Amino acid sequence: MSRELVPGVTVLGNLAIDIINGAPPSPGGCASFAGVALQAAGGAGRIVAMGAERDHALFDGLRARFGSIVQILRSESTSSFRLDYDDTDHRHMGVQAIGPMWTAEDIELADPMTTWVHLAPLLRTDFPADTLAALSARGHRVAYDGQGLVRADRLGPLVEDRHFPADLLADIDILKIAEDEAVIIADGPFDASTAERLGVEEILVTYGSEGCDIYIEGAVQRVPAAWRVLDVQTTGAGDMFTACYVAHRAAGHDPQRAAESASELVARELDKRIHTGAPERA
């Protein structure tokens, strides 16, 4: 049933335990990076994440930094990934643990009250089509990170393919896809015909330091990156970009302005990493 919602965005997703280049476990998942984006964008914003209670302590810094905008729900498991970087732009990933599947009941427990909800799946099974339909029935507009389309729910080396169920796209209003994911989904170069086939009203294809393409109503617009930040580890950059983009769209900004604002945020945060040497999560 539709309800009275406030302009803003709620980010929903699983917590993740990341092991980067063999280092000790660190907080991962969109929840670990979206806070800075929501703060920068302003407006109503909230993050609700799920993970096993035994792992919550790893995310204490996240809750201490962002306070009441972060809520962590209990589940039976926590997603976990191994990330090994050849250099700053290329990585090999492995799935070490599969996190929970969000149900309509979990949505009611999270109880988002914003006009927009951004879903940040880590694997294809995180948010099934029935859960997206439940969000739509509540009156939300839905943004979705396209890594959830291509990442199979399988332990071991990460398997990416385009065998996602077609009904997963039925209730998505904004789809964000990284360049490598776009190639998998299109089975080749991603273009306007691919966007039309997917049937999502607004599609962003991101190209890192080269900017992004926005597909709307058969037209495509390139929005350059704010500035290039090279030789830096980029974990979480896509999460920050998308959360910021959706927050600006929720505030009524047009796609170009939203993309420009999101790009500036990411560039600033990556610049910080040059001096610290690591992603800032909390």
Protein backbone atom coordinates (compact mmCIF):
# COMPACT_ATOMS: atom_id res chain seq x y z
CA MET A 1 0.00 0.00 0.00
CA SER A 2 1.24 3.46 -0.85
CA ARG A 3 2.09 5.72 2.13
CA GLU A 4 3.25 9.25 2.89
CA LEU A 5 6.95 9.39 2.09
CA VAL A 6 9.53 12.14 2.57
CA PRO A 7 11.96 13.22 -0.20
CA GLY A 8 15.25 11.39 0.27
CA VAL A 9 16.91 8.01 -0.11
CA THR A 10 17.27 4.93 2.07
CA VAL A 11 20.15 2.59 1.23
CA LEU A 12 19.45 -1.10 1.81
CA GLY A 13 22.10 -3.80 1.52
CA ASN A 14 24.11 -6.50 3.21
CA LEU A 15 27.17 -5.84 5.30
CA ALA A 16 30.34 -7.37 3.89
CA ILE A 17 33.60 -8.47 5.42
CA ASP A 18 36.36 -7.57 2.95
CA ILE A 19 39.83 -9.09 2.96
CA ILE A 20 41.88 -6.83 0.69
CA ASN A 21 45.27 -8.06 -0.49
CA GLY A 22 45.48 -10.40 2.49
CA ALA A 23 45.06 -7.64 5.09
CA PRO A 24 42.94 -8.12 8.22
CA PRO A 25 39.14 -8.09 7.69
CA SER A 26 37.70 -4.65 7.03
CA PRO A 27 34.12 -3.30 6.72
CA GLY A 28 32.67 -3.60 3.24
CA GLY A 29 29.41 -3.37 1.34
CA CYS A 30 27.62 -0.21 0.29
CA ALA A 31 26.65 0.50 3.90
CA SER A 32 30.31 1.10 4.71
CA PHE A 33 30.70 3.80 2.04
CA ALA A 34 27.27 5.38 1.52
CA GLY A 35 27.29 7.49 4.69
CA VAL A 36 29.73 10.05 3.35
CA ALA A 37 27.63 10.33 0.17
CA LEU A 38 24.38 10.88 2.05
CA GLN A 39 25.99 13.50 4.28
CA ALA A 40 27.42 15.33 1.28
CA ALA A 41 24.12 15.31 -0.60
CA GLY A 42 22.04 16.48 2.36
CA GLY A 43 18.33 15.79 2.68
CA ALA A 44 16.73 12.79 4.32
CA GLY A 45 19.05 9.80 4.22
CA ARG A 46 19.35 6.49 6.00
CA ILE A 47 21.29 3.24 5.70
CA VAL A 48 19.87 -0.13 6.78
CA ALA A 49 22.15 -3.14 6.49
CA MET A 50 22.00 -6.80 7.49
CA GLY A 51 24.69 -9.06 8.89
CA ALA A 52 25.28 -11.72 11.54
CA GLU A 53 25.33 -10.32 15.08
CA ARG A 54 28.75 -11.88 15.74
CA ASP A 55 30.20 -9.58 13.04
CA HIS A 56 28.53 -6.32 14.08
CA ALA A 57 31.54 -5.16 16.12
CA LEU A 58 33.56 -4.81 12.91
CA PHE A 59 31.16 -2.02 11.95
CA ASP A 60 31.21 -0.13 15.26
CA GLY A 61 33.27 2.65 13.68
CA LEU A 62 30.64 3.08 10.98
CA ARG A 63 27.87 3.50 13.56
CA ALA A 64 30.01 5.80 15.69
CA ARG A 65 30.73 8.08 12.73
CA PHE A 66 27.27 8.29 11.20
CA GLY A 67 25.09 7.70 14.24
CA SER A 68 21.37 7.39 13.78
CA ILE A 69 21.43 7.28 9.98
CA VAL A 70 22.90 3.75 10.20
CA GLN A 71 20.81 0.80 11.38
CA ILE A 72 22.11 -2.78 11.39
CA LEU A 73 19.66 -5.67 11.38
CA ARG A 74 20.52 -9.18 12.51
CA SER A 75 20.74 -12.10 10.10
CA GLU A 76 22.16 -15.59 10.11
CA SER A 77 25.18 -14.79 7.94
CA THR A 78 27.40 -11.95 6.74
CA SER A 79 28.66 -11.62 3.18
CA SER A 80 32.44 -11.91 2.83
CA PHE A 81 34.77 -11.29 -0.09
CA ARG A 82 38.46 -11.57 -0.85
CA LEU A 83 39.77 -8.79 -3.08
CA ASP A 84 43.24 -8.99 -4.57
CA TYR A 85 44.43 -6.02 -6.61
CA ASP A 86 46.97 -6.39 -9.41
CA ASP A 87 47.13 -2.60 -9.47
CA THR A 88 44.72 0.19 -8.56
CA ASP A 89 42.32 -0.56 -11.43
CA HIS A 90 42.20 -4.37 -11.65
CA ARG A 91 41.18 -6.85 -9.00
CA HIS A 92 40.38 -10.52 -8.54
CA MET A 93 37.46 -11.34 -6.27
CA GLY A 94 36.40 -14.41 -4.39
CA VAL A 95 33.18 -15.09 -2.51
CA GLN A 96 33.95 -16.43 0.96
CA ALA A 97 30.47 -16.22 2.49
CA ILE A 98 26.99 -15.51 1.11
CA GLY A 99 24.85 -13.04 3.00
CA PRO A 100 21.10 -13.04 3.64
CA MET A 101 18.31 -12.69 1.11
CA TRP A 102 16.07 -9.68 1.78
CA THR A 103 12.37 -10.54 1.95
CA ALA A 104 9.24 -8.40 2.03
CA GLU A 105 9.22 -8.95 5.80
CA ASP A 106 12.75 -7.52 6.03
CA ILE A 107 11.58 -4.47 4.10
CA GLU A 108 8.81 -3.92 6.64
CA LEU A 109 11.33 -4.29 9.46
CA ALA A 110 13.66 -1.74 7.83
CA ASP A 111 10.60 0.45 7.17
CA PRO A 112 12.09 3.01 4.75
CA MET A 113 10.13 6.26 4.75
CA THR A 114 11.89 8.03 1.87
CA THR A 115 10.65 8.49 -1.68
CA TRP A 116 13.66 6.63 -3.04
CA VAL A 117 15.27 3.37 -1.96
CA HIS A 118 18.68 2.38 -3.29
CA LEU A 119 19.31 -1.36 -3.29
CA ALA A 120 22.97 -2.35 -3.07
CA PRO A 121 23.12 -6.12 -3.73
CA LEU A 122 26.45 -7.88 -3.40
CA LEU A 123 25.20 -11.00 -5.18
CA ARG A 124 22.24 -11.83 -7.43
CA THR A 125 20.14 -13.37 -4.67
CA ASP A 126 20.31 -10.45 -2.20
CA PHE A 127 17.11 -8.79 -3.46
CA PRO A 128 14.73 -11.08 -5.38
CA ALA A 129 12.06 -9.69 -7.70
CA ASP A 130 9.29 -10.18 -5.11
CA THR A 131 11.16 -7.88 -2.71
CA LEU A 132 11.50 -5.18 -5.36
CA ALA A 133 7.77 -5.50 -6.07
CA ALA A 134 7.06 -5.03 -2.35
CA LEU A 135 9.07 -1.80 -2.35
CA SER A 136 7.17 -0.53 -5.39
CA ALA A 137 3.87 -1.41 -3.69
CA ARG A 138 4.91 0.73 -0.72
CA GLY A 139 5.22 3.70 -3.11
CA HIS A 140 9.02 3.87 -3.35
CA ARG A 141 11.06 4.55 -6.45
CA VAL A 142 13.87 2.02 -6.66
CA ALA A 143 17.52 2.41 -7.66
CA TYR A 144 19.56 -0.77 -8.09
CA ASP A 145 23.29 -1.50 -8.36
CA GLY A 146 23.75 -3.66 -11.45
CA GLN A 147 26.44 -5.84 -9.88
CA GLY A 148 23.44 -7.67 -8.44
CA LEU A 149 22.44 -8.68 -11.97
CA VAL A 150 25.72 -10.31 -12.93
CA ARG A 151 27.20 -11.78 -9.72
CA ALA A 152 26.22 -15.41 -9.16
CA ASP A 153 25.59 -16.60 -5.59
CA ARG A 154 28.41 -19.13 -5.56
CA LEU A 155 31.33 -19.64 -3.22
CA GLY A 156 34.86 -19.51 -4.62
CA PRO A 157 36.16 -17.27 -7.41
CA LEU A 158 33.52 -14.70 -8.31
CA VAL A 159 31.37 -15.88 -11.24
CA GLU A 160 29.77 -13.17 -13.37
CA ASP A 161 27.23 -13.91 -16.11
CA ARG A 162 24.06 -12.44 -17.63
CA HIS A 163 21.67 -15.16 -16.49
CA PHE A 164 19.59 -12.94 -14.24
CA PRO A 165 15.78 -13.32 -14.17
CA ALA A 166 14.07 -10.78 -16.42
CA ASP A 167 11.49 -9.90 -13.77
CA LEU A 168 14.28 -8.49 -11.61
CA LEU A 169 14.14 -5.35 -13.78
CA ALA A 170 10.38 -4.84 -13.61
CA ASP A 171 10.33 -2.49 -10.60
CA ILE A 172 13.65 -0.65 -11.06
CA ASP A 173 13.60 3.07 -11.84
CA ILE A 174 17.38 3.69 -11.92
CA LEU A 175 19.92 1.04 -12.84
CA LYS A 176 23.61 1.73 -12.29
CA ILE A 177 26.07 -0.53 -14.11
CA ALA A 178 29.86 -0.45 -14.06
CA GLU A 179 31.68 -0.76 -17.39
CA ASP A 180 32.66 -4.42 -16.95
CA GLU A 181 29.15 -5.34 -15.85
CA ALA A 182 27.67 -3.53 -18.85
CA VAL A 183 29.75 -5.65 -21.23
CA ILE A 184 28.47 -8.83 -19.57
CA ILE A 185 24.84 -7.71 -19.65
CA ALA A 186 25.05 -6.60 -23.30
CA ASP A 187 27.23 -9.57 -24.33
CA GLY A 188 29.38 -6.95 -26.04
CA PRO A 189 29.38 -3.15 -26.27
CA PHE A 190 26.59 -1.51 -24.27
CA ASP A 191 24.57 0.95 -26.37
CA ALA A 192 21.13 2.51 -26.68
CA SER A 193 19.64 -0.69 -28.07
CA THR A 194 20.81 -2.58 -24.99
CA ALA A 195 19.32 0.07 -22.73
CA GLU A 196 16.03 -0.13 -24.61
CA ARG A 197 16.01 -3.92 -24.30
CA LEU A 198 16.48 -3.73 -20.54
CA GLY A 199 13.47 -1.46 -20.28
CA VAL A 200 14.64 0.58 -17.27
CA GLU A 201 13.72 4.26 -17.43
CA GLU A 202 17.12 5.61 -16.33
CA ILE A 203 20.40 3.71 -16.74
CA LEU A 204 23.88 4.86 -15.73
CA VAL A 205 26.95 3.12 -17.12
CA THR A 206 30.04 4.23 -15.21
CA TYR A 207 33.58 4.31 -16.60
CA GLY A 208 35.63 5.24 -13.55
CA SER A 209 37.89 8.21 -14.22
CA GLU A 210 36.31 8.60 -17.68
CA GLY A 211 32.89 9.59 -16.32
CA CYS A 212 29.53 7.97 -17.06
CA ASP A 213 26.86 7.61 -19.73
CA ILE A 214 23.21 8.25 -18.83
CA TYR A 215 20.53 6.54 -20.94
CA ILE A 216 17.04 8.06 -20.77
CA GLU A 217 14.20 7.61 -23.28
CA GLY A 218 16.46 6.35 -26.04
CA ALA A 219 19.01 9.17 -25.70
CA VAL A 220 22.48 8.92 -24.16
CA GLN A 221 24.48 11.69 -22.49
CA ARG A 222 28.13 11.48 -21.44
CA VAL A 223 28.97 13.23 -18.18
CA PRO A 224 32.77 13.53 -17.69
CA ALA A 225 34.39 12.77 -14.36
CA ALA A 226 34.97 15.83 -12.18
CA TRP A 227 38.72 15.20 -12.39
CA ARG A 228 40.94 12.15 -12.73
CA VAL A 229 42.43 10.58 -9.62
CA LEU A 230 45.00 7.95 -10.54
CA ASP A 231 47.10 5.41 -8.65
CA VAL A 232 44.64 5.00 -5.80
CA GLN A 233 42.63 2.05 -4.52
CA THR A 234 38.99 2.50 -5.59
CA THR A 235 37.03 0.10 -3.36
CA GLY A 236 33.65 1.66 -2.58
CA ALA A 237 33.87 4.41 -5.20
CA GLY A 238 30.89 3.02 -7.10
CA ASP A 239 28.85 2.80 -3.90
CA MET A 240 29.59 6.43 -3.04
CA PHE A 241 28.80 7.57 -6.57
CA THR A 242 25.45 5.81 -6.78
CA ALA A 243 24.26 6.76 -3.30
CA CYS A 244 25.11 10.40 -3.98
CA TYR A 245 23.50 10.30 -7.43
CA VAL A 246 20.25 8.87 -6.11
CA ALA A 247 20.18 11.34 -3.20
CA HIS A 248 20.43 14.22 -5.67
CA ARG A 249 17.73 12.72 -7.88
CA ALA A 250 15.53 12.38 -4.79
CA ALA A 251 16.12 16.09 -4.13
CA GLY A 252 14.75 16.88 -7.59
CA HIS A 253 18.01 17.47 -9.45
CA ASP A 254 18.25 16.45 -13.09
CA PRO A 255 20.43 13.46 -14.07
CA GLN A 256 23.35 15.56 -15.34
CA ARG A 257 23.57 17.65 -12.18
CA ALA A 258 23.20 14.54 -10.03
CA ALA A 259 26.04 12.80 -11.89
CA GLU A 260 28.29 15.86 -11.67
CA SER A 261 27.73 16.14 -7.92
CA ALA A 262 28.37 12.42 -7.41
CA SER A 263 31.53 12.57 -9.50
CA GLU A 264 32.88 15.49 -7.48
CA LEU A 265 32.24 13.62 -4.24
CA VAL A 266 34.09 10.51 -5.43
CA ALA A 267 37.05 12.52 -6.72
CA ARG A 268 37.38 14.30 -3.37
CA GLU A 269 37.21 11.04 -1.44
CA LEU A 270 39.78 9.36 -3.71
CA ASP A 271 42.08 12.35 -3.31
CA LYS A 272 41.94 11.79 0.45
CA ARG A 273 43.09 8.19 -0.03
CA ILE A 274 46.27 9.35 -1.72
CA HIS A 275 47.31 10.82 1.63
CA THR A 276 45.93 8.05 3.89
CA GLY A 277 46.66 5.04 1.68
CA ALA A 278 43.35 3.33 2.44
CA PRO A 279 39.60 3.73 1.92
CA GLU A 280 37.94 5.78 4.67
CA ARG A 281 34.97 3.87 6.01
CA ALA A 282 34.59 5.15 9.54
